[in-house]
């Protein structure tokens, strides 16, 4: 249940931790953090915001530090020079640092609208992992054509090869039950962590759920290297395929 007086919460026991992995997001990071804080206020949720600065070369970390200096709900973790491009490392650091009963993750470039966080929060007692999905009824994805085709093809392949009945495995807008997440051994680098969590959650009997969200096209120039992203996604997919065949024997 939401806790009253969220702004003056006891930071030793937040209900929700919002983890924001960020790399060179100085144009949007301030707005994202402030919008997340506004959601915590409006929903009267005792929460914290954890910004994971993946060794940005711009002012992303400094902007986060400035907000944290005036709001005790905000923490910033600065990763070292091996972090750029390693989304998996950023998320794992955020998961470890989170103190909330639930963890919400979303991108820091405003492609995920913080105002949609309540869609996930209101269902938090119904599942162990709630995925903000672009591809269920009511969801929407503003993606470049090439990325749209590759994303849909991968999700189709994963759904049918591994037997994961999730339409959007690669989205980063999610809510996790912290106690369950702590029990997973996660190893993926890059974007593969998004898939690894779903595959291992299913293998461990988690209850999974998708809710529709609107994914907006970011104004930031994409730095994705599709070949590297594909490799990152394939490792957890192969793990899931192996686990599926092992379960049949």
Protein backbone atom coordinates (compact mmCIF):
# COMPACT_ATOMS: atom_id res chain seq x y z
CA UNK A 1 0.00 0.00 0.00
CA UNK A 2 1.20 3.57 -0.70
CA UNK A 3 2.84 5.26 2.26
CA UNK A 4 1.79 8.72 3.39
CA UNK A 5 4.29 11.55 3.60
CA UNK A 6 6.50 10.23 0.82
CA UNK A 7 8.72 13.33 0.71
CA UNK A 8 9.65 12.87 4.35
CA UNK A 9 10.00 9.10 4.20
CA UNK A 10 12.35 7.00 6.29
CA UNK A 11 15.03 6.35 3.68
CA UNK A 12 16.02 3.15 5.45
CA UNK A 13 12.92 1.43 4.10
CA UNK A 14 11.62 2.76 0.76
CA UNK A 15 8.77 0.89 -0.89
CA UNK A 16 10.10 1.41 -4.43
CA UNK A 17 13.58 1.95 -5.87
CA UNK A 18 13.68 3.52 -9.33
CA UNK A 19 16.92 2.58 -11.09
CA UNK A 20 18.01 4.80 -13.99
CA UNK A 21 21.00 3.57 -16.06
CA UNK A 22 22.43 6.53 -17.95
CA UNK A 23 25.24 7.20 -20.40
CA UNK A 24 25.69 10.73 -21.80
CA UNK A 25 22.13 11.82 -21.06
CA UNK A 26 22.81 15.39 -19.89
CA UNK A 27 19.93 16.77 -21.99
CA UNK A 28 17.30 14.58 -20.34
CA UNK A 29 18.60 13.19 -17.04
CA UNK A 30 17.40 16.13 -14.95
CA UNK A 31 13.92 16.01 -16.42
CA UNK A 32 13.70 12.23 -15.96
CA UNK A 33 14.71 12.37 -12.29
CA UNK A 34 12.34 15.24 -11.55
CA UNK A 35 9.45 13.48 -13.29
CA UNK A 36 10.13 10.28 -11.35
CA UNK A 37 10.14 12.24 -8.09
CA UNK A 38 6.87 13.88 -9.12
CA UNK A 39 5.34 10.42 -9.65
CA UNK A 40 6.47 9.30 -6.19
CA UNK A 41 4.86 12.43 -4.77
CA UNK A 42 1.58 12.10 -6.66
CA UNK A 43 1.25 8.40 -5.86
CA UNK A 44 2.36 9.00 -2.26
CA UNK A 45 4.95 6.26 -2.59
CA UNK A 46 7.92 6.05 -0.27
CA UNK A 47 10.65 5.72 -2.86
CA UNK A 48 14.21 6.39 -3.91
CA UNK A 49 15.87 7.17 -7.24
CA UNK A 50 19.22 5.58 -8.07
CA UNK A 51 21.03 7.06 -11.06
CA UNK A 52 23.76 4.80 -12.44
CA UNK A 53 26.18 6.98 -14.37
CA UNK A 54 27.98 4.65 -16.75
CA UNK A 55 31.12 6.81 -16.90
CA UNK A 56 29.52 9.51 -19.03
CA UNK A 57 31.76 11.95 -20.89
CA UNK A 58 29.25 14.78 -20.45
CA UNK A 59 27.52 16.34 -17.40
CA UNK A 60 25.11 13.46 -16.73
CA UNK A 61 26.72 12.52 -13.41
CA UNK A 62 27.17 16.13 -12.28
CA UNK A 63 23.49 16.91 -12.92
CA UNK A 64 22.51 13.84 -10.91
CA UNK A 65 24.84 14.84 -8.08
CA UNK A 66 23.31 18.32 -7.97
CA UNK A 67 19.80 16.91 -7.60
CA UNK A 68 20.97 14.38 -4.99
CA UNK A 69 22.54 17.18 -2.93
CA UNK A 70 19.13 18.75 -2.39
CA UNK A 71 16.89 15.66 -2.30
CA UNK A 72 17.70 12.73 -0.02
CA UNK A 73 15.63 10.38 -2.13
CA UNK A 74 18.20 10.56 -4.95
CA UNK A 75 21.51 8.68 -5.04
CA UNK A 76 24.12 8.60 -7.80
CA UNK A 77 26.50 5.71 -8.47
CA UNK A 78 29.45 6.60 -10.72
CA UNK A 79 30.89 3.63 -12.57
CA UNK A 80 34.48 3.35 -13.76
CA UNK A 81 36.03 3.52 -17.25
CA UNK A 82 35.01 -0.05 -18.07
CA UNK A 83 31.32 0.87 -17.87
CA UNK A 84 30.44 2.67 -21.14
CA UNK A 85 28.14 0.50 -23.24
CA UNK A 86 27.75 -2.06 -20.44
CA UNK A 87 24.07 -1.78 -19.59
CA UNK A 88 24.22 -5.12 -17.80
CA UNK A 89 26.81 -3.83 -15.35
CA UNK A 90 24.83 -0.64 -14.74
CA UNK A 91 21.64 -2.52 -13.99
CA UNK A 92 23.34 -5.07 -11.75
CA UNK A 93 24.89 -2.24 -9.72
CA UNK A 94 21.50 -0.61 -9.45
CA UNK A 95 19.84 -3.84 -8.36
CA UNK A 96 22.44 -4.35 -5.64
CA UNK A 97 22.12 -0.80 -4.36
CA UNK A 98 18.32 -0.77 -4.34
CA UNK A 99 16.69 -0.82 -0.91
CA UNK A 100 13.05 -0.93 -1.99
CA UNK A 101 10.69 -3.88 -1.88
CA UNK A 102 10.14 -3.27 -5.59
CA UNK A 103 12.54 -2.03 -8.28
CA UNK A 104 11.43 -0.02 -11.31
CA UNK A 105 13.83 0.41 -14.24
CA UNK A 106 13.47 2.71 -17.22
CA UNK A 107 15.62 4.46 -19.80
CA UNK A 108 16.98 7.91 -19.09
CA UNK A 109 16.41 9.49 -22.52
CA UNK A 110 12.64 10.08 -22.16
CA UNK A 111 11.81 7.22 -24.53
CA UNK A 112 10.07 5.79 -21.46
CA UNK A 113 7.61 8.23 -19.94
CA UNK A 114 8.00 8.39 -16.13
CA UNK A 115 4.32 9.30 -15.98
CA UNK A 116 3.53 5.69 -16.93
CA UNK A 117 5.26 4.27 -13.85
CA UNK A 118 1.90 4.08 -11.98
CA UNK A 119 0.70 1.54 -14.59
CA UNK A 120 3.32 -0.85 -13.24
CA UNK A 121 3.03 0.16 -9.60
CA UNK A 122 -0.69 -0.47 -9.41
CA UNK A 123 -0.13 -4.11 -10.44
CA UNK A 124 2.89 -4.72 -8.21
CA UNK A 125 1.13 -7.18 -5.92
CA UNK A 126 0.02 -9.34 -8.87
CA UNK A 127 3.36 -10.48 -10.31
CA UNK A 128 7.08 -10.85 -9.61
CA UNK A 129 8.09 -9.14 -12.86
CA UNK A 130 5.91 -6.62 -14.67
CA UNK A 131 7.06 -5.60 -18.14
CA UNK A 132 6.12 -2.30 -19.71
CA UNK A 133 5.42 -3.71 -23.14
CA UNK A 134 5.43 -2.00 -26.52
CA UNK A 135 3.87 -4.96 -28.27
CA UNK A 136 0.78 -5.95 -26.29
CA UNK A 137 -2.64 -4.48 -27.06
CA UNK A 138 -2.58 -0.80 -26.18
CA UNK A 139 1.21 -0.54 -26.42
CA UNK A 140 3.03 1.62 -28.96
CA UNK A 141 6.61 1.76 -30.23
CA UNK A 142 8.17 4.68 -32.11
CA UNK A 143 11.21 2.93 -33.58
CA UNK A 144 13.34 3.38 -36.70
CA UNK A 145 12.30 0.84 -39.32
CA UNK A 146 15.46 -1.30 -39.06
CA UNK A 147 15.31 -1.44 -35.27
CA UNK A 148 11.58 -2.20 -35.34
CA UNK A 149 12.10 -5.18 -37.68
CA UNK A 150 15.04 -6.57 -35.69
CA UNK A 151 13.25 -6.12 -32.35
CA UNK A 152 10.06 -7.82 -33.49
CA UNK A 153 12.01 -10.65 -35.18
CA UNK A 154 14.06 -11.32 -32.07
CA UNK A 155 11.03 -11.31 -29.78
CA UNK A 156 9.20 -13.69 -32.13
CA UNK A 157 12.19 -16.04 -32.19
CA UNK A 158 12.62 -15.97 -28.42
CA UNK A 159 8.94 -16.54 -27.77
CA UNK A 160 8.79 -19.65 -29.96
CA UNK A 161 12.26 -21.12 -29.43
CA UNK A 162 12.44 -20.71 -25.68
CA UNK A 163 8.74 -20.85 -24.92
CA UNK A 164 8.65 -17.51 -23.11
CA UNK A 165 5.13 -16.17 -23.51
CA UNK A 166 6.23 -12.57 -23.42
CA UNK A 167 5.85 -10.28 -26.43
CA UNK A 168 8.48 -7.73 -25.43
CA UNK A 169 11.58 -9.28 -23.86
CA UNK A 170 13.91 -6.44 -24.79
CA UNK A 171 12.19 -3.47 -23.18
CA UNK A 172 13.91 -1.81 -20.22
CA UNK A 173 10.75 -0.42 -18.59
CA UNK A 174 10.02 -2.92 -15.81
CA UNK A 175 9.06 -3.56 -12.23
CA UNK A 176 10.80 -6.34 -10.26
CA UNK A 177 10.07 -7.83 -6.88
CA UNK A 178 13.40 -7.23 -5.13
CA UNK A 179 13.33 -10.42 -3.02
CA UNK A 180 12.96 -12.51 -6.18
CA UNK A 181 15.55 -10.58 -8.17
CA UNK A 182 18.16 -11.04 -5.43
CA UNK A 183 17.91 -14.80 -6.03
CA UNK A 184 19.00 -14.62 -9.68
CA UNK A 185 22.62 -14.94 -10.76
CA UNK A 186 22.87 -12.39 -13.57
CA UNK A 187 25.94 -12.18 -15.79
CA UNK A 188 25.01 -10.53 -19.08
CA UNK A 189 26.76 -7.51 -20.47
CA UNK A 190 24.94 -4.94 -22.54
CA UNK A 191 21.29 -5.24 -23.45
CA UNK A 192 21.30 -9.01 -22.99
CA UNK A 193 20.53 -8.54 -19.32
CA UNK A 194 16.96 -7.60 -20.22
CA UNK A 195 16.49 -11.01 -21.84
CA UNK A 196 18.47 -12.91 -19.22
CA UNK A 197 16.21 -11.69 -16.41
CA UNK A 198 13.06 -12.84 -18.22
CA UNK A 199 14.49 -16.25 -19.19
CA UNK A 200 15.81 -16.96 -15.68
CA UNK A 201 12.67 -15.58 -14.05
CA UNK A 202 10.59 -18.05 -16.05
CA UNK A 203 12.98 -20.90 -15.23
CA UNK A 204 12.54 -20.09 -11.52
CA UNK A 205 8.76 -20.04 -11.66
CA UNK A 206 8.16 -16.31 -11.37
CA UNK A 207 4.79 -14.85 -12.23
CA UNK A 208 5.25 -12.56 -15.24
CA UNK A 209 2.93 -9.87 -16.59
CA UNK A 210 2.94 -7.33 -19.41
CA UNK A 211 1.21 -3.94 -19.34
CA UNK A 212 1.07 -1.61 -22.36
CA UNK A 213 3.31 1.44 -22.58
CA UNK A 214 4.14 4.04 -25.21
CA UNK A 215 7.80 3.94 -26.25
CA UNK A 216 8.75 7.31 -27.69
CA UNK A 217 11.53 7.88 -30.18
CA UNK A 218 14.41 9.65 -28.45
CA UNK A 219 15.91 12.83 -29.88
CA UNK A 220 19.35 11.48 -28.99
CA UNK A 221 21.34 10.00 -31.85
CA UNK A 222 21.40 6.23 -31.44
CA UNK A 223 24.74 4.65 -30.53
CA UNK A 224 23.50 1.09 -30.89
CA UNK A 225 25.75 -1.32 -32.76
CA UNK A 226 23.29 -3.96 -33.94
CA UNK A 227 25.88 -6.71 -34.35
CA UNK A 228 27.02 -6.32 -30.72
CA UNK A 229 23.45 -6.06 -29.53
CA UNK A 230 22.51 -9.29 -31.33
CA UNK A 231 25.42 -11.15 -29.71
CA UNK A 232 24.41 -9.79 -26.31
CA UNK A 233 20.85 -11.01 -26.80
CA UNK A 234 21.80 -14.49 -28.04
CA UNK A 235 23.63 -15.71 -24.92
CA UNK A 236 20.57 -15.65 -22.60
CA UNK A 237 18.43 -17.04 -25.41
CA UNK A 238 20.71 -20.07 -25.72
CA UNK A 239 20.61 -20.48 -21.95
CA UNK A 240 16.81 -20.52 -22.06
CA UNK A 241 16.76 -23.01 -24.92
CA UNK A 242 19.09 -25.33 -22.98
CA UNK A 243 16.96 -25.03 -19.84
CA UNK A 244 13.82 -25.80 -21.82
CA UNK A 245 15.24 -29.01 -23.27
CA UNK A 246 16.67 -30.03 -19.88
CA UNK A 247 13.21 -29.68 -18.34
CA UNK A 248 11.77 -32.07 -20.93
CA UNK A 249 14.30 -34.82 -20.14
